[in-house]
C-alpha cells in the first residue's frame, strides 16, 4: 500500500503545482508514483504531465486529473494500491476537496512564500485543517517555504512569525526564488533535470526531509 502526500494551499500562485510536479518526478525515480491533479479546470500538473509524456520521460510516473472530491477519493484509492507514492495537487478555495486531501494524506505540504499576503490567506487553511482533525486526529500538515529569500531579514522574521501565528510546523528545507522551477515546468521537466545546481541540491534536501517525515508517520 502506497503513501499519499497532499499539496494544499488556498492561495493561488503559491507554488502547489511546482512542488507537486517536482516531488512526483523525484519520487518516481525510485518507485512507482502517481500524481493526481485536483485543480480542475486549470490542470497545471496534468499539462506538465502531457509535456513530460511527449518527451518520453514518464518512467514510473502516472499523471491523472480529478474533477471533484468523489472522483479524487476513487482515484486515490485505486492508485495507492499500485503505486508507492500518490501526490495530490490540491485546488485553491475548495474547502471540501482540501478536507478530503487532508484526511486521506499521510503528510500534507503547504507551500507558502514569506509574504504577509500569503500568511493571511493561509489562516483560512488553518480552519480547514482543524475541521479535518475532527475526522482524523493525526492529520500531519507542514509548511514548505517557497520562493524564500533567506538572505533577507524580513523573510526570516516573517517566516518565524507565521509559524507561531498559524500554529503549523515548517520543514527545515526551503525552496529559493529561482527561475529554474518555472523554466523546467514549462518543458515537462523537474529541477533535477534542469541545469541549476542550487535548485537541484535544495530540492533533493527537501525530498530527503519529506521521506523522513513519512517514516515518522509510519
N, C-alpha and C. Protein backbone atom coordinates (compact mmCIF):
# COMPACT_ATOMS: atom_id res chain seq x y z
N UNK A 1 0.84 -1.20 0.00
CA UNK A 1 0.00 0.00 0.00
C UNK A 1 0.88 1.25 0.00
N UNK A 2 0.59 2.16 -0.94
CA UNK A 2 1.40 3.36 -1.05
C UNK A 2 1.05 4.42 -0.03
N UNK A 3 1.75 5.53 -0.10
CA UNK A 3 1.55 6.65 0.82
C UNK A 3 1.07 7.86 0.03
N UNK A 4 0.08 8.54 0.57
CA UNK A 4 -0.48 9.72 -0.09
C UNK A 4 0.12 10.98 0.52
N UNK A 5 0.58 11.87 -0.35
CA UNK A 5 1.12 13.16 0.06
C UNK A 5 0.26 14.24 -0.59
N UNK A 6 -0.37 15.06 0.23
CA UNK A 6 -1.21 16.14 -0.30
C UNK A 6 -0.45 17.45 -0.36
N UNK A 7 -0.72 18.21 -1.40
CA UNK A 7 -0.17 19.56 -1.53
C UNK A 7 -1.36 20.51 -1.50
N UNK A 8 -1.50 21.27 -0.42
CA UNK A 8 -2.69 22.11 -0.25
C UNK A 8 -2.31 23.55 0.06
N UNK A 9 -3.13 24.46 -0.44
CA UNK A 9 -2.96 25.88 -0.17
C UNK A 9 -4.16 26.60 -0.77
N UNK A 10 -4.78 27.51 -0.01
CA UNK A 10 -5.96 28.19 -0.52
C UNK A 10 -5.60 29.36 -1.44
N UNK A 11 -4.38 29.83 -1.36
CA UNK A 11 -3.98 30.97 -2.19
C UNK A 11 -3.44 30.48 -3.53
N UNK A 12 -3.98 31.03 -4.60
CA UNK A 12 -3.46 30.70 -5.93
C UNK A 12 -2.07 31.27 -6.12
N UNK A 13 -1.25 30.59 -6.91
CA UNK A 13 0.09 31.08 -7.21
C UNK A 13 1.10 30.88 -6.11
N UNK A 14 0.78 30.03 -5.13
CA UNK A 14 1.69 29.82 -4.01
C UNK A 14 2.76 28.77 -4.30
N UNK A 15 2.58 28.02 -5.40
CA UNK A 15 3.59 27.03 -5.77
C UNK A 15 3.17 25.59 -5.55
N UNK A 16 1.85 25.34 -5.47
CA UNK A 16 1.39 23.96 -5.27
C UNK A 16 1.86 23.04 -6.40
N UNK A 17 1.58 23.45 -7.64
CA UNK A 17 1.92 22.59 -8.78
C UNK A 17 3.42 22.46 -8.96
N UNK A 18 4.16 23.51 -8.66
CA UNK A 18 5.63 23.43 -8.73
C UNK A 18 6.14 22.37 -7.76
N UNK A 19 5.63 22.40 -6.55
CA UNK A 19 6.05 21.42 -5.54
C UNK A 19 5.57 20.02 -5.92
N UNK A 20 4.31 19.91 -6.37
CA UNK A 20 3.74 18.61 -6.69
C UNK A 20 4.46 17.93 -7.85
N UNK A 21 4.73 18.67 -8.92
CA UNK A 21 5.35 18.06 -10.09
C UNK A 21 6.80 17.66 -9.81
N UNK A 22 7.54 18.53 -9.13
CA UNK A 22 8.93 18.20 -8.83
C UNK A 22 9.04 17.04 -7.86
N UNK A 23 8.14 16.99 -6.87
CA UNK A 23 8.16 15.89 -5.92
C UNK A 23 7.79 14.58 -6.60
N UNK A 24 6.76 14.61 -7.45
CA UNK A 24 6.35 13.41 -8.17
C UNK A 24 7.48 12.90 -9.07
N UNK A 25 8.14 13.81 -9.77
CA UNK A 25 9.24 13.40 -10.64
C UNK A 25 10.37 12.78 -9.83
N UNK A 26 10.70 13.39 -8.70
CA UNK A 26 11.80 12.89 -7.87
C UNK A 26 11.49 11.51 -7.31
N UNK A 27 10.29 11.33 -6.77
CA UNK A 27 9.94 10.05 -6.16
C UNK A 27 9.79 8.95 -7.21
N UNK A 28 9.37 9.32 -8.42
CA UNK A 28 9.20 8.32 -9.47
C UNK A 28 10.53 7.76 -9.96
N UNK A 29 11.62 8.43 -9.62
CA UNK A 29 12.93 7.91 -9.99
C UNK A 29 13.29 6.66 -9.20
N UNK A 30 12.62 6.44 -8.06
CA UNK A 30 12.96 5.29 -7.22
C UNK A 30 11.81 4.30 -7.05
N UNK A 31 10.57 4.74 -7.33
CA UNK A 31 9.42 3.85 -7.11
C UNK A 31 8.24 4.34 -7.93
N UNK A 32 7.27 3.45 -8.23
CA UNK A 32 6.07 3.87 -8.95
C UNK A 32 5.35 4.98 -8.19
N UNK A 33 5.08 6.07 -8.88
CA UNK A 33 4.49 7.25 -8.27
C UNK A 33 3.36 7.78 -9.14
N UNK A 34 2.28 8.20 -8.50
CA UNK A 34 1.15 8.80 -9.22
C UNK A 34 0.98 10.25 -8.78
N UNK A 35 0.58 11.09 -9.71
CA UNK A 35 0.29 12.49 -9.44
C UNK A 35 -1.15 12.76 -9.87
N UNK A 36 -1.99 13.15 -8.92
CA UNK A 36 -3.39 13.47 -9.22
C UNK A 36 -3.56 14.98 -9.17
N UNK A 37 -4.00 15.56 -10.27
CA UNK A 37 -4.25 17.00 -10.34
C UNK A 37 -5.72 17.25 -9.98
N UNK A 38 -5.95 17.80 -8.79
CA UNK A 38 -7.31 18.09 -8.35
C UNK A 38 -7.69 19.55 -8.59
N UNK A 39 -6.80 20.29 -9.24
CA UNK A 39 -7.05 21.71 -9.54
C UNK A 39 -7.61 21.81 -10.96
N UNK A 40 -8.85 21.33 -11.13
CA UNK A 40 -9.51 21.34 -12.42
C UNK A 40 -10.49 22.52 -12.44
N UNK A 41 -10.59 23.31 -13.52
CA UNK A 41 -10.07 23.02 -14.87
C UNK A 41 -8.68 23.56 -15.16
N UNK A 42 -8.02 24.23 -14.21
CA UNK A 42 -6.70 24.80 -14.54
C UNK A 42 -5.73 23.72 -14.99
N UNK A 43 -5.60 22.66 -14.22
CA UNK A 43 -4.86 21.48 -14.65
C UNK A 43 -3.39 21.69 -14.97
N UNK A 44 -2.69 22.45 -14.16
CA UNK A 44 -1.26 22.70 -14.42
C UNK A 44 -0.45 21.41 -14.38
N UNK A 45 -0.71 20.56 -13.38
CA UNK A 45 0.06 19.32 -13.26
C UNK A 45 -0.23 18.36 -14.41
N UNK A 46 -1.49 18.31 -14.83
CA UNK A 46 -1.83 17.45 -15.98
C UNK A 46 -1.13 17.96 -17.23
N UNK A 47 -1.12 19.28 -17.44
CA UNK A 47 -0.44 19.84 -18.62
C UNK A 47 1.04 19.52 -18.59
N UNK A 48 1.64 19.63 -17.41
CA UNK A 48 3.06 19.26 -17.25
C UNK A 48 3.26 17.79 -17.59
N UNK A 49 2.33 16.94 -17.16
CA UNK A 49 2.44 15.51 -17.45
C UNK A 49 2.36 15.21 -18.93
N UNK A 50 1.52 15.95 -19.66
CA UNK A 50 1.41 15.77 -21.11
C UNK A 50 2.75 16.09 -21.78
N UNK A 51 3.35 17.20 -21.38
CA UNK A 51 4.66 17.58 -21.94
C UNK A 51 5.71 16.53 -21.60
N UNK A 52 5.65 16.01 -20.39
CA UNK A 52 6.63 15.01 -19.95
C UNK A 52 6.47 13.72 -20.75
N UNK A 53 5.23 13.35 -20.99
CA UNK A 53 4.98 12.13 -21.76
C UNK A 53 5.48 12.28 -23.19
N UNK A 54 5.24 13.44 -23.78
CA UNK A 54 5.72 13.69 -25.15
C UNK A 54 7.24 13.62 -25.23
N UNK A 55 7.89 14.00 -24.13
CA UNK A 55 9.36 13.97 -24.10
C UNK A 55 9.90 12.58 -23.77
N UNK A 56 9.00 11.63 -23.52
CA UNK A 56 9.42 10.26 -23.21
C UNK A 56 10.07 10.12 -21.86
N UNK A 57 9.60 10.93 -20.88
CA UNK A 57 10.24 10.94 -19.56
C UNK A 57 9.32 10.44 -18.43
N UNK A 58 8.26 9.73 -18.76
CA UNK A 58 7.31 9.32 -17.71
C UNK A 58 7.90 8.27 -16.77
N UNK A 59 8.61 7.29 -17.31
CA UNK A 59 9.20 6.27 -16.45
C UNK A 59 8.15 5.61 -15.58
N UNK A 60 8.33 5.69 -14.26
CA UNK A 60 7.41 5.07 -13.31
C UNK A 60 6.33 6.04 -12.82
N UNK A 61 6.10 7.10 -13.58
CA UNK A 61 5.16 8.14 -13.16
C UNK A 61 3.83 8.03 -13.91
N UNK A 62 2.73 8.15 -13.15
CA UNK A 62 1.38 8.22 -13.70
C UNK A 62 0.80 9.57 -13.35
N UNK A 63 0.22 10.29 -14.32
CA UNK A 63 -0.40 11.59 -14.06
C UNK A 63 -1.85 11.55 -14.52
N UNK A 64 -2.75 11.99 -13.65
CA UNK A 64 -4.18 12.00 -13.97
C UNK A 64 -4.84 13.17 -13.28
N UNK A 65 -6.11 13.42 -13.62
CA UNK A 65 -6.85 14.52 -13.01
C UNK A 65 -8.08 14.02 -12.28
N UNK A 66 -8.63 14.88 -11.40
CA UNK A 66 -9.85 14.55 -10.67
C UNK A 66 -10.72 15.80 -10.59
N UNK A 67 -11.92 15.72 -11.16
CA UNK A 67 -12.77 16.91 -11.29
C UNK A 67 -13.51 17.29 -10.01
N UNK A 68 -13.69 16.34 -9.09
CA UNK A 68 -14.36 16.67 -7.83
C UNK A 68 -13.87 15.72 -6.73
N UNK A 69 -14.35 15.92 -5.51
CA UNK A 69 -13.80 15.17 -4.38
C UNK A 69 -14.17 13.69 -4.44
N UNK A 70 -15.30 13.35 -5.04
CA UNK A 70 -15.67 11.93 -5.16
C UNK A 70 -14.74 11.20 -6.12
N UNK A 71 -14.47 11.82 -7.27
CA UNK A 71 -13.54 11.23 -8.23
C UNK A 71 -12.14 11.15 -7.62
N UNK A 72 -11.77 12.18 -6.87
CA UNK A 72 -10.46 12.20 -6.22
C UNK A 72 -10.31 11.02 -5.27
N UNK A 73 -11.29 10.78 -4.42
CA UNK A 73 -11.23 9.66 -3.48
C UNK A 73 -11.12 8.34 -4.22
N UNK A 74 -11.92 8.17 -5.27
CA UNK A 74 -11.91 6.93 -6.04
C UNK A 74 -10.55 6.68 -6.69
N UNK A 75 -10.00 7.72 -7.32
CA UNK A 75 -8.71 7.56 -8.00
C UNK A 75 -7.58 7.34 -7.00
N UNK A 76 -7.61 8.05 -5.89
CA UNK A 76 -6.56 7.89 -4.88
C UNK A 76 -6.56 6.47 -4.33
N UNK A 77 -7.73 5.92 -4.05
CA UNK A 77 -7.81 4.56 -3.53
C UNK A 77 -7.30 3.55 -4.55
N UNK A 78 -7.61 3.79 -5.82
CA UNK A 78 -7.16 2.88 -6.88
C UNK A 78 -5.64 2.95 -7.06
N UNK A 79 -5.11 4.16 -7.09
CA UNK A 79 -3.69 4.34 -7.37
C UNK A 79 -2.80 3.96 -6.19
N UNK A 80 -3.27 4.18 -4.97
CA UNK A 80 -2.44 3.88 -3.80
C UNK A 80 -2.21 2.38 -3.67
N UNK A 81 -3.05 1.58 -4.32
CA UNK A 81 -2.89 0.12 -4.27
C UNK A 81 -1.78 -0.37 -5.21
N UNK A 82 -1.40 0.46 -6.17
CA UNK A 82 -0.42 0.03 -7.18
C UNK A 82 0.81 0.93 -7.27
N UNK A 83 0.83 2.00 -6.47
CA UNK A 83 1.96 2.94 -6.50
C UNK A 83 2.51 3.13 -5.09
N UNK A 84 3.81 3.33 -5.00
CA UNK A 84 4.44 3.56 -3.69
C UNK A 84 4.08 4.94 -3.13
N UNK A 85 3.91 5.90 -4.02
CA UNK A 85 3.55 7.26 -3.61
C UNK A 85 2.43 7.77 -4.50
N UNK A 86 1.51 8.50 -3.88
CA UNK A 86 0.46 9.21 -4.62
C UNK A 86 0.51 10.67 -4.16
N UNK A 87 0.81 11.57 -5.10
CA UNK A 87 0.88 13.00 -4.81
C UNK A 87 -0.42 13.64 -5.29
N UNK A 88 -1.05 14.45 -4.45
CA UNK A 88 -2.28 15.14 -4.85
C UNK A 88 -2.02 16.64 -4.88
N UNK A 89 -2.19 17.22 -6.05
CA UNK A 89 -2.06 18.67 -6.24
C UNK A 89 -3.44 19.28 -6.03
N UNK A 90 -3.65 19.88 -4.86
CA UNK A 90 -4.97 20.37 -4.49
C UNK A 90 -5.33 21.70 -5.15
N UNK A 91 -6.63 22.04 -5.11
CA UNK A 91 -7.10 23.30 -5.68
C UNK A 91 -7.10 24.41 -4.64
N UNK A 92 -7.22 25.67 -5.07
CA UNK A 92 -7.42 26.76 -4.11
C UNK A 92 -8.89 26.92 -3.80
N UNK A 93 -9.18 27.26 -2.55
CA UNK A 93 -10.50 27.73 -2.15
C UNK A 93 -11.63 26.71 -2.24
N UNK A 94 -11.36 25.44 -2.43
CA UNK A 94 -12.42 24.43 -2.42
C UNK A 94 -12.27 23.61 -1.14
N UNK A 95 -12.93 24.08 -0.08
CA UNK A 95 -12.71 23.51 1.25
C UNK A 95 -13.03 22.02 1.31
N UNK A 96 -14.07 21.57 0.59
CA UNK A 96 -14.44 20.16 0.65
C UNK A 96 -13.33 19.28 0.09
N UNK A 97 -12.76 19.68 -1.05
CA UNK A 97 -11.67 18.90 -1.65
C UNK A 97 -10.45 18.94 -0.75
N UNK A 98 -10.14 20.10 -0.20
CA UNK A 98 -8.97 20.22 0.68
C UNK A 98 -9.13 19.35 1.92
N UNK A 99 -10.33 19.34 2.51
CA UNK A 99 -10.57 18.47 3.68
C UNK A 99 -10.34 17.01 3.33
N UNK A 100 -10.83 16.60 2.17
CA UNK A 100 -10.64 15.21 1.73
C UNK A 100 -9.15 14.89 1.60
N UNK A 101 -8.39 15.81 1.01
CA UNK A 101 -6.95 15.59 0.84
C UNK A 101 -6.27 15.48 2.21
N UNK A 102 -6.62 16.37 3.12
CA UNK A 102 -6.03 16.35 4.46
C UNK A 102 -6.31 15.03 5.17
N UNK A 103 -7.52 14.54 5.05
CA UNK A 103 -7.92 13.31 5.74
C UNK A 103 -7.25 12.08 5.13
N UNK A 104 -7.11 12.06 3.80
CA UNK A 104 -6.54 10.89 3.12
C UNK A 104 -5.02 10.81 3.23
N UNK A 105 -4.36 11.95 3.38
CA UNK A 105 -2.91 12.00 3.22
C UNK A 105 -2.14 11.59 4.47
N UNK A 106 -1.04 10.90 4.25
CA UNK A 106 -0.10 10.60 5.33
C UNK A 106 0.63 11.87 5.74
N UNK A 107 0.86 12.74 4.77
CA UNK A 107 1.56 14.00 5.01
C UNK A 107 0.98 15.05 4.07
N UNK A 108 0.70 16.24 4.59
CA UNK A 108 0.24 17.35 3.76
C UNK A 108 1.28 18.46 3.80
N UNK A 109 1.61 18.97 2.63
CA UNK A 109 2.59 20.03 2.50
C UNK A 109 1.88 21.31 2.06
N UNK A 110 2.23 22.41 2.71
CA UNK A 110 1.59 23.70 2.43
C UNK A 110 2.65 24.66 1.90
N UNK A 111 2.78 24.81 0.58
CA UNK A 111 3.77 25.75 0.06
C UNK A 111 3.35 27.19 0.36
N UNK A 112 4.30 28.00 0.77
CA UNK A 112 3.96 29.36 1.15
C UNK A 112 5.18 30.26 1.01
N UNK A 113 4.96 31.43 0.43
CA UNK A 113 6.02 32.43 0.37
C UNK A 113 6.03 33.27 1.63
N UNK A 114 7.18 33.83 1.94
CA UNK A 114 7.32 34.64 3.16
C UNK A 114 6.84 36.06 2.88
N UNK A 115 5.51 36.17 2.66
CA UNK A 115 4.90 37.49 2.46
C UNK A 115 3.66 37.57 3.34
N UNK A 116 3.31 38.78 3.74
CA UNK A 116 2.15 38.96 4.60
C UNK A 116 0.88 38.45 3.92
N UNK A 117 0.73 38.71 2.62
CA UNK A 117 -0.49 38.29 1.90
C UNK A 117 -0.67 36.79 1.94
N UNK A 118 0.41 36.03 1.75
CA UNK A 118 0.30 34.58 1.75
C UNK A 118 0.03 34.04 3.15
N UNK A 119 0.61 34.68 4.15
CA UNK A 119 0.37 34.27 5.53
C UNK A 119 -1.08 34.52 5.91
N UNK A 120 -1.62 35.69 5.53
CA UNK A 120 -3.03 35.98 5.83
C UNK A 120 -3.94 34.97 5.15
N UNK A 121 -3.66 34.66 3.88
CA UNK A 121 -4.50 33.73 3.14
C UNK A 121 -4.45 32.34 3.77
N UNK A 122 -3.30 31.95 4.29
CA UNK A 122 -3.14 30.61 4.85
C UNK A 122 -3.91 30.44 6.15
N UNK A 123 -4.26 31.54 6.80
CA UNK A 123 -5.05 31.44 8.03
C UNK A 123 -6.40 30.78 7.76
N UNK A 124 -6.94 30.95 6.56
CA UNK A 124 -8.18 30.25 6.19
C UNK A 124 -7.96 28.74 6.14
N UNK A 125 -6.80 28.33 5.66
CA UNK A 125 -6.48 26.91 5.57
C UNK A 125 -6.37 26.28 6.95
N UNK A 126 -5.89 27.05 7.92
CA UNK A 126 -5.75 26.52 9.28
C UNK A 126 -7.10 26.06 9.82
N UNK A 127 -8.16 26.81 9.50
CA UNK A 127 -9.50 26.41 9.93
C UNK A 127 -9.93 25.10 9.28
N UNK A 128 -9.59 24.94 8.01
CA UNK A 128 -9.93 23.69 7.31
C UNK A 128 -9.15 22.52 7.90
N UNK A 129 -7.90 22.75 8.28
CA UNK A 129 -7.11 21.70 8.93
C UNK A 129 -7.75 21.30 10.25
N UNK A 130 -8.22 22.29 11.02
CA UNK A 130 -8.88 21.99 12.29
C UNK A 130 -10.15 21.15 12.07
N UNK A 131 -10.89 21.48 11.01
CA UNK A 131 -12.09 20.70 10.69
C UNK A 131 -11.73 19.27 10.31
N UNK A 132 -10.64 19.12 9.55
CA UNK A 132 -10.21 17.78 9.15
C UNK A 132 -9.78 16.96 10.37
N UNK A 133 -9.21 17.61 11.36
CA UNK A 133 -8.78 16.90 12.57
C UNK A 133 -9.95 16.44 13.43
N UNK A 134 -11.13 16.99 13.16
CA UNK A 134 -12.32 16.46 13.82
C UNK A 134 -12.67 15.07 13.28
N UNK A 135 -12.20 14.79 12.06
CA UNK A 135 -12.44 13.49 11.42
C UNK A 135 -11.26 12.55 11.64
N UNK A 136 -10.05 13.13 11.68
CA UNK A 136 -8.85 12.31 11.86
C UNK A 136 -7.83 13.11 12.66
N UNK A 137 -7.58 12.69 13.88
CA UNK A 137 -6.78 13.48 14.81
C UNK A 137 -5.33 13.66 14.36
N UNK A 138 -4.78 12.67 13.66
CA UNK A 138 -3.35 12.71 13.34
C UNK A 138 -3.05 13.33 11.98
N UNK A 139 -3.89 14.26 11.51
CA UNK A 139 -3.59 14.99 10.27
C UNK A 139 -2.25 15.70 10.45
N UNK A 140 -1.32 15.43 9.54
CA UNK A 140 0.03 15.99 9.64
C UNK A 140 0.23 17.00 8.51
N UNK A 141 0.25 18.28 8.84
CA UNK A 141 0.40 19.34 7.85
C UNK A 141 1.60 20.21 8.19
N UNK A 142 2.46 20.45 7.19
CA UNK A 142 3.69 21.22 7.39
C UNK A 142 3.84 22.28 6.32
N UNK A 143 4.35 23.42 6.70
CA UNK A 143 4.67 24.48 5.75
C UNK A 143 5.94 24.13 4.98
N UNK A 144 5.94 24.40 3.68
CA UNK A 144 7.16 24.36 2.88
C UNK A 144 7.39 25.78 2.36
N UNK A 145 8.45 26.40 2.84
CA UNK A 145 8.73 27.77 2.40
C UNK A 145 9.19 27.76 0.96
N UNK A 146 8.52 28.58 0.14
CA UNK A 146 8.76 28.62 -1.30
C UNK A 146 9.14 30.05 -1.71
N UNK A 147 9.94 30.15 -2.76
CA UNK A 147 10.43 31.48 -3.21
C UNK A 147 11.02 32.23 -2.02
N UNK A 148 11.79 31.52 -1.22
CA UNK A 148 12.29 32.05 0.05
C UNK A 148 13.62 32.76 -0.15
N UNK A 149 13.68 34.01 0.26
CA UNK A 149 14.93 34.78 0.20
C UNK A 149 15.55 34.78 1.59
N UNK A 150 16.29 33.73 1.88
CA UNK A 150 16.85 33.55 3.21
C UNK A 150 17.85 34.60 3.62
N UNK A 151 18.39 35.32 2.64
CA UNK A 151 19.39 36.34 2.95
C UNK A 151 18.75 37.65 3.44
N UNK A 152 17.41 37.76 3.36
CA UNK A 152 16.76 38.98 3.82
C UNK A 152 16.21 38.80 5.23
N UNK A 153 16.38 39.81 6.03
CA UNK A 153 15.91 39.76 7.42
C UNK A 153 14.38 39.66 7.47
N UNK A 154 13.70 40.39 6.57
CA UNK A 154 12.23 40.39 6.59
C UNK A 154 11.67 39.00 6.33
N UNK A 155 12.28 38.25 5.40
CA UNK A 155 11.80 36.90 5.10
C UNK A 155 11.96 36.00 6.31
N UNK A 156 13.11 36.08 6.98
CA UNK A 156 13.34 35.24 8.15
C UNK A 156 12.36 35.58 9.26
N UNK A 157 12.15 36.89 9.48
CA UNK A 157 11.24 37.32 10.56
C UNK A 157 9.80 36.93 10.25
N UNK A 158 9.37 37.11 8.99
CA UNK A 158 8.02 36.74 8.60
C UNK A 158 7.82 35.23 8.75
N UNK A 159 8.84 34.47 8.36
CA UNK A 159 8.75 33.01 8.47
C UNK A 159 8.55 32.57 9.90
N UNK A 160 9.34 33.11 10.80
CA UNK A 160 9.22 32.74 12.21
C UNK A 160 7.87 33.17 12.78
N UNK A 161 7.42 34.37 12.41
CA UNK A 161 6.14 34.87 12.92
C UNK A 161 4.99 34.02 12.40
N UNK A 162 5.07 33.61 11.13
CA UNK A 162 3.99 32.83 10.53
C UNK A 162 3.85 31.48 11.21
N UNK A 163 4.96 30.83 11.48
CA UNK A 163 4.91 29.51 12.12
C UNK A 163 4.23 29.61 13.49
N UNK A 164 4.53 30.69 14.22
CA UNK A 164 3.91 30.88 15.54
C UNK A 164 2.44 31.25 15.41
N UNK A 165 2.13 32.16 14.49
CA UNK A 165 0.76 32.64 14.35
C UNK A 165 -0.17 31.55 13.83
N UNK A 166 0.29 30.79 12.84
CA UNK A 166 -0.55 29.77 12.23
C UNK A 166 -0.57 28.47 13.04
N UNK A 167 0.42 28.28 13.89
CA UNK A 167 0.47 27.06 14.69
C UNK A 167 0.81 25.83 13.86
N UNK A 168 1.55 26.05 12.78
CA UNK A 168 1.94 24.94 11.90
C UNK A 168 3.45 24.82 11.87
N UNK A 169 3.98 23.61 11.92
CA UNK A 169 5.43 23.43 11.80
C UNK A 169 5.87 23.65 10.36
N UNK A 170 7.13 23.96 10.17
CA UNK A 170 7.70 24.12 8.83
C UNK A 170 8.85 23.15 8.66
N UNK A 171 8.98 22.61 7.46
CA UNK A 171 10.14 21.79 7.16
C UNK A 171 11.38 22.67 7.14
N UNK A 172 12.51 22.09 7.50
CA UNK A 172 13.76 22.85 7.51
C UNK A 172 14.20 23.25 6.11
N UNK A 173 13.96 22.37 5.14
CA UNK A 173 14.36 22.63 3.76
C UNK A 173 13.47 23.71 3.15
N UNK A 174 14.09 24.64 2.43
CA UNK A 174 13.36 25.74 1.81
C UNK A 174 13.70 25.82 0.32
N UNK A 175 12.72 26.26 -0.47
CA UNK A 175 12.93 26.43 -1.91
C UNK A 175 13.16 27.90 -2.20
N UNK A 176 14.24 28.20 -2.90
CA UNK A 176 14.59 29.58 -3.19
C UNK A 176 13.79 30.19 -4.32
N UNK A 177 14.02 31.47 -4.52
CA UNK A 177 13.33 32.21 -5.59
C UNK A 177 14.16 32.03 -6.86
N UNK A 178 13.84 30.97 -7.63
CA UNK A 178 14.67 30.59 -8.77
C UNK A 178 13.83 30.41 -10.03
N UNK A 179 14.33 30.94 -11.14
CA UNK A 179 13.64 30.79 -12.41
C UNK A 179 13.67 29.34 -12.90
N UNK A 180 14.58 28.54 -12.36
CA UNK A 180 14.71 27.14 -12.78
C UNK A 180 13.40 26.38 -12.63
N UNK A 181 12.63 26.69 -11.59
CA UNK A 181 11.38 25.95 -11.36
C UNK A 181 10.37 26.20 -12.47
N UNK A 182 10.18 27.45 -12.86
CA UNK A 182 9.22 27.75 -13.92
C UNK A 182 9.74 27.30 -15.28
N UNK A 183 11.04 27.44 -15.52
CA UNK A 183 11.61 27.03 -16.80
C UNK A 183 11.49 25.52 -16.98
N UNK A 184 11.79 24.77 -15.94
CA UNK A 184 11.70 23.31 -16.02
C UNK A 184 10.26 22.87 -16.23
N UNK A 185 9.34 23.45 -15.46
CA UNK A 185 7.93 23.06 -15.57
C UNK A 185 7.39 23.31 -16.97
N UNK A 186 7.77 24.40 -17.58
CA UNK A 186 7.27 24.75 -18.91
C UNK A 186 7.68 23.74 -19.98
N UNK A 187 8.63 22.88 -19.64
CA UNK A 187 9.12 21.87 -20.59
C UNK A 187 8.79 20.44 -20.14
N UNK A 188 7.98 20.31 -19.10
CA UNK A 188 7.65 18.99 -18.61
C UNK A 188 8.78 18.33 -17.85
N UNK A 189 9.67 19.15 -17.30
CA UNK A 189 10.83 18.64 -16.58
C UNK A 189 10.73 18.97 -15.10
N UNK A 190 11.65 18.41 -14.33
CA UNK A 190 11.82 18.77 -12.93
C UNK A 190 13.14 19.52 -12.79
N UNK A 191 13.36 20.16 -11.65
CA UNK A 191 14.63 20.88 -11.47
C UNK A 191 15.81 19.91 -11.42
N UNK A 192 15.55 18.66 -11.09
CA UNK A 192 16.63 17.66 -11.11
C UNK A 192 17.13 17.44 -12.53
N UNK A 193 16.33 17.81 -13.52
CA UNK A 193 16.69 17.63 -14.93
C UNK A 193 17.04 18.96 -15.58
N UNK A 194 17.22 19.98 -14.77
CA UNK A 194 17.48 21.34 -15.28
C UNK A 194 18.85 21.80 -14.78
N UNK A 195 19.62 22.51 -15.61
CA UNK A 195 20.99 22.88 -15.22
C UNK A 195 21.08 24.03 -14.22
N UNK A 196 20.60 23.76 -13.00
CA UNK A 196 20.74 24.72 -11.91
C UNK A 196 21.09 23.92 -10.67
N UNK A 197 22.37 23.89 -10.33
CA UNK A 197 22.84 23.05 -9.23
C UNK A 197 22.21 23.41 -7.89
N UNK A 198 22.04 24.71 -7.64
CA UNK A 198 21.46 25.12 -6.37
C UNK A 198 20.03 24.61 -6.23
N UNK A 199 19.25 24.73 -7.31
CA UNK A 199 17.88 24.22 -7.29
C UNK A 199 17.87 22.71 -7.10
N UNK A 200 18.78 22.03 -7.77
CA UNK A 200 18.85 20.57 -7.65
C UNK A 200 19.14 20.16 -6.21
N UNK A 201 20.11 20.83 -5.59
CA UNK A 201 20.53 20.47 -4.23
C UNK A 201 19.41 20.77 -3.23
N UNK A 202 18.80 21.97 -3.33
CA UNK A 202 17.78 22.32 -2.35
C UNK A 202 16.55 21.42 -2.47
N UNK A 203 16.21 21.02 -3.71
CA UNK A 203 15.04 20.16 -3.83
C UNK A 203 15.35 18.74 -3.36
N UNK A 204 16.56 18.27 -3.62
CA UNK A 204 16.95 16.95 -3.12
C UNK A 204 16.90 16.92 -1.60
N UNK A 205 17.32 18.00 -0.96
CA UNK A 205 17.26 18.08 0.51
C UNK A 205 15.81 18.05 0.99
N UNK A 206 14.92 18.73 0.27
CA UNK A 206 13.51 18.71 0.63
C UNK A 206 12.92 17.30 0.50
N UNK A 207 13.25 16.62 -0.58
CA UNK A 207 12.75 15.25 -0.79
C UNK A 207 13.22 14.34 0.34
N UNK A 208 14.48 14.46 0.72
CA UNK A 208 15.01 13.64 1.81
C UNK A 208 14.27 13.91 3.12
N UNK A 209 13.95 15.18 3.38
CA UNK A 209 13.24 15.52 4.61
C UNK A 209 11.80 15.00 4.58
N UNK A 210 11.16 15.06 3.42
CA UNK A 210 9.80 14.53 3.27
C UNK A 210 9.79 13.03 3.53
N UNK A 211 10.78 12.32 3.03
CA UNK A 211 10.87 10.87 3.28
C UNK A 211 11.02 10.58 4.77
N UNK A 212 11.79 11.40 5.46
CA UNK A 212 11.94 11.23 6.91
C UNK A 212 10.61 11.46 7.62
N UNK A 213 9.87 12.47 7.17
CA UNK A 213 8.55 12.72 7.76
C UNK A 213 7.64 11.52 7.58
N UNK A 214 7.69 10.91 6.41
CA UNK A 214 6.85 9.73 6.13
C UNK A 214 7.23 8.56 7.02
N UNK A 215 8.53 8.41 7.29
CA UNK A 215 8.99 7.33 8.19
C UNK A 215 8.45 7.53 9.60
N UNK A 216 8.47 8.79 10.06
CA UNK A 216 7.97 9.09 11.40
C UNK A 216 6.48 8.77 11.48
N UNK A 217 5.76 9.03 10.40
CA UNK A 217 4.33 8.76 10.37
C UNK A 217 4.03 7.26 10.35
N UNK A 218 5.02 6.46 9.94
CA UNK A 218 4.84 5.01 9.94
C UNK A 218 4.24 4.47 8.66
